[in-house]
Amino acid sequence: LQERSLNHRSKMTVENVEDDQLEGDVYPDDASEPEVEDLLCAELTQEEIKAAFRLFDETGDGFITATRFRIILKEMDEEFTEEELDEIIAEIDLDKSTTIDFQEFVKIMT
């Protein structure tokens, strides 16, 4: 429990994110064209991203548990295998805390 609370304190919350952390024009391999995911998320505002995060952060603690995120992904696409879900979560949970904080969530959404 103490480790979780230490991890929680170092997490970036919705309230303390700066606008410039949501922006970014660098594409993989220096490609000049955005990827499909970028185009789909291009219209999201900071407020919309915050609202989505709050929706998934059921406890209001400033993070989404990996277990909760697995359920969300499965609801989005029932055909995800357990291995695919593990890979997706491993890519998103950059600090390996088994939670997805707002900064990690922003990277998914932008």
C-alpha atoms as a PDB file:
ATOM      1  CA  LEU A   1       0.000   0.000   0.000  1.00  0.00           C
ATOM      2  CA  GLN A   2       2.813   2.395   0.820  1.00  0.00           C
ATOM      3  CA  GLU A   3       4.478   1.665  -2.559  1.00  0.00           C
ATOM      4  CA  ARG A   4       1.202   2.391  -4.330  1.00  0.00           C
ATOM      5  CA  SER A   5       0.845   5.688  -2.531  1.00  0.00           C
ATOM      6  CA  LEU A   6       4.430   6.648  -3.440  1.00  0.00           C
ATOM      7  CA  ASN A   7       3.723   5.832  -7.076  1.00  0.00           C
ATOM      8  CA  HIS A   8       0.502   7.820  -6.890  1.00  0.00           C
ATOM      9  CA  ARG A   9       2.276  10.938  -5.620  1.00  0.00           C
ATOM     10  CA  SER A  10       4.672  10.966  -8.560  1.00  0.00           C
ATOM     11  CA  LYS A  11       1.914  10.525 -11.127  1.00  0.00           C
ATOM     12  CA  MET A  12       0.760  13.369 -13.325  1.00  0.00           C
ATOM     13  CA  THR A  13      -2.846  14.187 -12.654  1.00  0.00           C
ATOM     14  CA  VAL A  14      -5.436  15.710 -14.940  1.00  0.00           C
ATOM     15  CA  GLU A  15      -5.375  18.971 -13.043  1.00  0.00           C
ATOM     16  CA  ASN A  16      -1.642  19.658 -13.337  1.00  0.00           C
ATOM     17  CA  VAL A  17      -1.069  18.895 -17.022  1.00  0.00           C
ATOM     18  CA  GLU A  18       0.041  21.767 -19.222  1.00  0.00           C
ATOM     19  CA  ASP A  19      -1.546  22.467 -22.605  1.00  0.00           C
ATOM     20  CA  ASP A  20       1.759  22.006 -24.422  1.00  0.00           C
ATOM     21  CA  GLN A  21       2.003  18.426 -23.131  1.00  0.00           C
ATOM     22  CA  LEU A  22      -1.004  17.536 -25.258  1.00  0.00           C
ATOM     23  CA  GLU A  23       0.514  18.820 -28.458  1.00  0.00           C
ATOM     24  CA  GLY A  24       3.036  17.116 -30.686  1.00  0.00           C
ATOM     25  CA  ASP A  25       3.714  16.985 -34.375  1.00  0.00           C
ATOM     26  CA  VAL A  26       6.462  14.388 -34.387  1.00  0.00           C
ATOM     27  CA  TYR A  27       5.449  11.255 -36.207  1.00  0.00           C
ATOM     28  CA  PRO A  28       7.174   7.856 -36.196  1.00  0.00           C
ATOM     29  CA  ASP A  29      10.117   7.577 -38.573  1.00  0.00           C
ATOM     30  CA  ASP A  30       9.915  11.337 -39.271  1.00  0.00           C
ATOM     31  CA  ALA A  31       6.945  10.708 -41.557  1.00  0.00           C
ATOM     32  CA  SER A  32       5.339  13.868 -42.838  1.00  0.00           C
ATOM     33  CA  GLU A  33       1.825  12.400 -42.798  1.00  0.00           C
ATOM     34  CA  PRO A  34      -0.022  11.669 -39.578  1.00  0.00           C
ATOM     35  CA  GLU A  35      -1.109   8.120 -38.863  1.00  0.00           C
ATOM     36  CA  VAL A  36      -4.803   7.161 -38.870  1.00  0.00           C
ATOM     37  CA  GLU A  37      -4.908   7.221 -35.066  1.00  0.00           C
ATOM     38  CA  ASP A  38      -3.509  10.749 -35.093  1.00  0.00           C
ATOM     39  CA  LEU A  39      -6.222  11.901 -37.454  1.00  0.00           C
ATOM     40  CA  LEU A  40      -8.939  10.342 -35.298  1.00  0.00           C
ATOM     41  CA  CYS A  41      -7.645  12.039 -32.162  1.00  0.00           C
ATOM     42  CA  ALA A  42      -6.664  15.341 -33.781  1.00  0.00           C
ATOM     43  CA  GLU A  43      -9.909  17.010 -32.820  1.00  0.00           C
ATOM     44  CA  LEU A  44      -9.754  16.131 -29.113  1.00  0.00           C
ATOM     45  CA  THR A  45      -9.367  19.111 -26.833  1.00  0.00           C
ATOM     46  CA  GLN A  46      -7.604  19.043 -23.491  1.00  0.00           C
ATOM     47  CA  GLU A  47     -10.977  19.211 -21.759  1.00  0.00           C
ATOM     48  CA  GLU A  48     -12.266  16.212 -23.749  1.00  0.00           C
ATOM     49  CA  ILE A  49      -9.181  14.188 -22.867  1.00  0.00           C
ATOM     50  CA  LYS A  50      -9.575  15.133 -19.190  1.00  0.00           C
ATOM     51  CA  ALA A  51     -13.259  14.162 -19.311  1.00  0.00           C
ATOM     52  CA  ALA A  52     -12.433  10.781 -20.862  1.00  0.00           C
ATOM     53  CA  PHE A  53      -9.771  10.141 -18.237  1.00  0.00           C
ATOM     54  CA  ARG A  54     -12.175  11.014 -15.417  1.00  0.00           C
ATOM     55  CA  LEU A  55     -14.746   8.660 -16.916  1.00  0.00           C
ATOM     56  CA  PHE A  56     -12.301   5.746 -16.772  1.00  0.00           C
ATOM     57  CA  ASP A  57     -10.790   6.762 -13.394  1.00  0.00           C
ATOM     58  CA  GLU A  58     -13.642   5.235 -11.410  1.00  0.00           C
ATOM     59  CA  THR A  59     -12.176   5.940  -7.971  1.00  0.00           C
ATOM     60  CA  GLY A  60     -10.994   9.491  -8.719  1.00  0.00           C
ATOM     61  CA  ASP A  61      -7.470   8.631  -7.536  1.00  0.00           C
ATOM     62  CA  GLY A  62      -5.792  10.049 -10.640  1.00  0.00           C
ATOM     63  CA  PHE A  63      -5.091   6.773 -12.408  1.00  0.00           C
ATOM     64  CA  ILE A  64      -6.745   3.897 -14.213  1.00  0.00           C
ATOM     65  CA  THR A  65      -5.759   0.439 -13.015  1.00  0.00           C
ATOM     66  CA  ALA A  66      -4.337  -1.944 -15.590  1.00  0.00           C
ATOM     67  CA  THR A  67      -7.178  -4.333 -14.738  1.00  0.00           C
ATOM     68  CA  ARG A  68      -9.785  -1.645 -15.451  1.00  0.00           C
ATOM     69  CA  PHE A  69      -8.018  -0.663 -18.669  1.00  0.00           C
ATOM     70  CA  ARG A  70      -7.977  -4.308 -19.775  1.00  0.00           C
ATOM     71  CA  ILE A  71     -11.770  -4.411 -19.317  1.00  0.00           C
ATOM     72  CA  ILE A  72     -12.161  -1.165 -21.288  1.00  0.00           C
ATOM     73  CA  LEU A  73     -10.066  -2.528 -24.161  1.00  0.00           C
ATOM     74  CA  LYS A  74     -12.006  -5.797 -24.171  1.00  0.00           C
ATOM     75  CA  GLU A  75     -15.282  -3.846 -24.314  1.00  0.00           C
ATOM     76  CA  MET A  76     -13.943  -1.910 -27.300  1.00  0.00           C
ATOM     77  CA  ASP A  77     -12.899  -5.061 -29.156  1.00  0.00           C
ATOM     78  CA  GLU A  78     -13.952  -8.456 -27.850  1.00  0.00           C
ATOM     79  CA  GLU A  79     -11.499 -10.188 -30.170  1.00  0.00           C
ATOM     80  CA  PHE A  80      -8.396  -9.008 -28.285  1.00  0.00           C
ATOM     81  CA  THR A  81      -6.447 -11.996 -26.990  1.00  0.00           C
ATOM     82  CA  GLU A  82      -4.994 -11.971 -23.492  1.00  0.00           C
ATOM     83  CA  GLU A  83      -1.505 -11.723 -25.026  1.00  0.00           C
ATOM     84  CA  GLU A  84      -2.529  -8.689 -27.104  1.00  0.00           C
ATOM     85  CA  LEU A  85      -4.012  -7.019 -24.038  1.00  0.00           C
ATOM     86  CA  ASP A  86      -0.793  -7.698 -22.103  1.00  0.00           C
ATOM     87  CA  GLU A  87       1.268  -6.131 -24.904  1.00  0.00           C
ATOM     88  CA  ILE A  88      -0.964  -3.059 -25.167  1.00  0.00           C
ATOM     89  CA  ILE A  89      -0.881  -2.441 -21.434  1.00  0.00           C
ATOM     90  CA  ALA A  90       2.897  -2.979 -21.295  1.00  0.00           C
ATOM     91  CA  GLU A  91       3.347  -0.339 -24.018  1.00  0.00           C
ATOM     92  CA  ILE A  92       1.063   2.139 -22.260  1.00  0.00           C
ATOM     93  CA  ASP A  93       2.157   1.620 -18.642  1.00  0.00           C
ATOM     94  CA  LEU A  94       5.564   3.178 -19.184  1.00  0.00           C
ATOM     95  CA  ASP A  95       6.564   3.233 -15.517  1.00  0.00           C
ATOM     96  CA  LYS A  96       5.381  -0.363 -14.931  1.00  0.00           C
ATOM     97  CA  SER A  97       3.228   0.727 -11.992  1.00  0.00           C
ATOM     98  CA  THR A  98       0.209  -1.381 -13.082  1.00  0.00           C
ATOM     99  CA  THR A  99      -1.689   1.889 -13.332  1.00  0.00           C
ATOM    100  CA  ILE A 100      -2.176   4.333 -16.175  1.00  0.00           C
ATOM    101  CA  ASP A 101      -1.770   7.916 -15.060  1.00  0.00           C
ATOM    102  CA  PHE A 102      -2.954  10.965 -16.966  1.00  0.00           C
ATOM    103  CA  GLN A 103       0.368  11.512 -18.743  1.00  0.00           C
ATOM    104  CA  GLU A 104       0.335   7.924 -20.045  1.00  0.00           C
ATOM    105  CA  PHE A 105      -3.319   8.341 -21.020  1.00  0.00           C
ATOM    106  CA  VAL A 106      -2.553  11.534 -22.970  1.00  0.00           C
ATOM    107  CA  LYS A 107       0.069   9.639 -24.983  1.00  0.00           C
ATOM    108  CA  ILE A 108      -2.590   7.106 -25.968  1.00  0.00           C
ATOM    109  CA  MET A 109      -5.076   9.776 -26.949  1.00  0.00           C
ATOM    110  CA  THR A 110      -2.771  12.104 -28.883  1.00  0.00           C
END
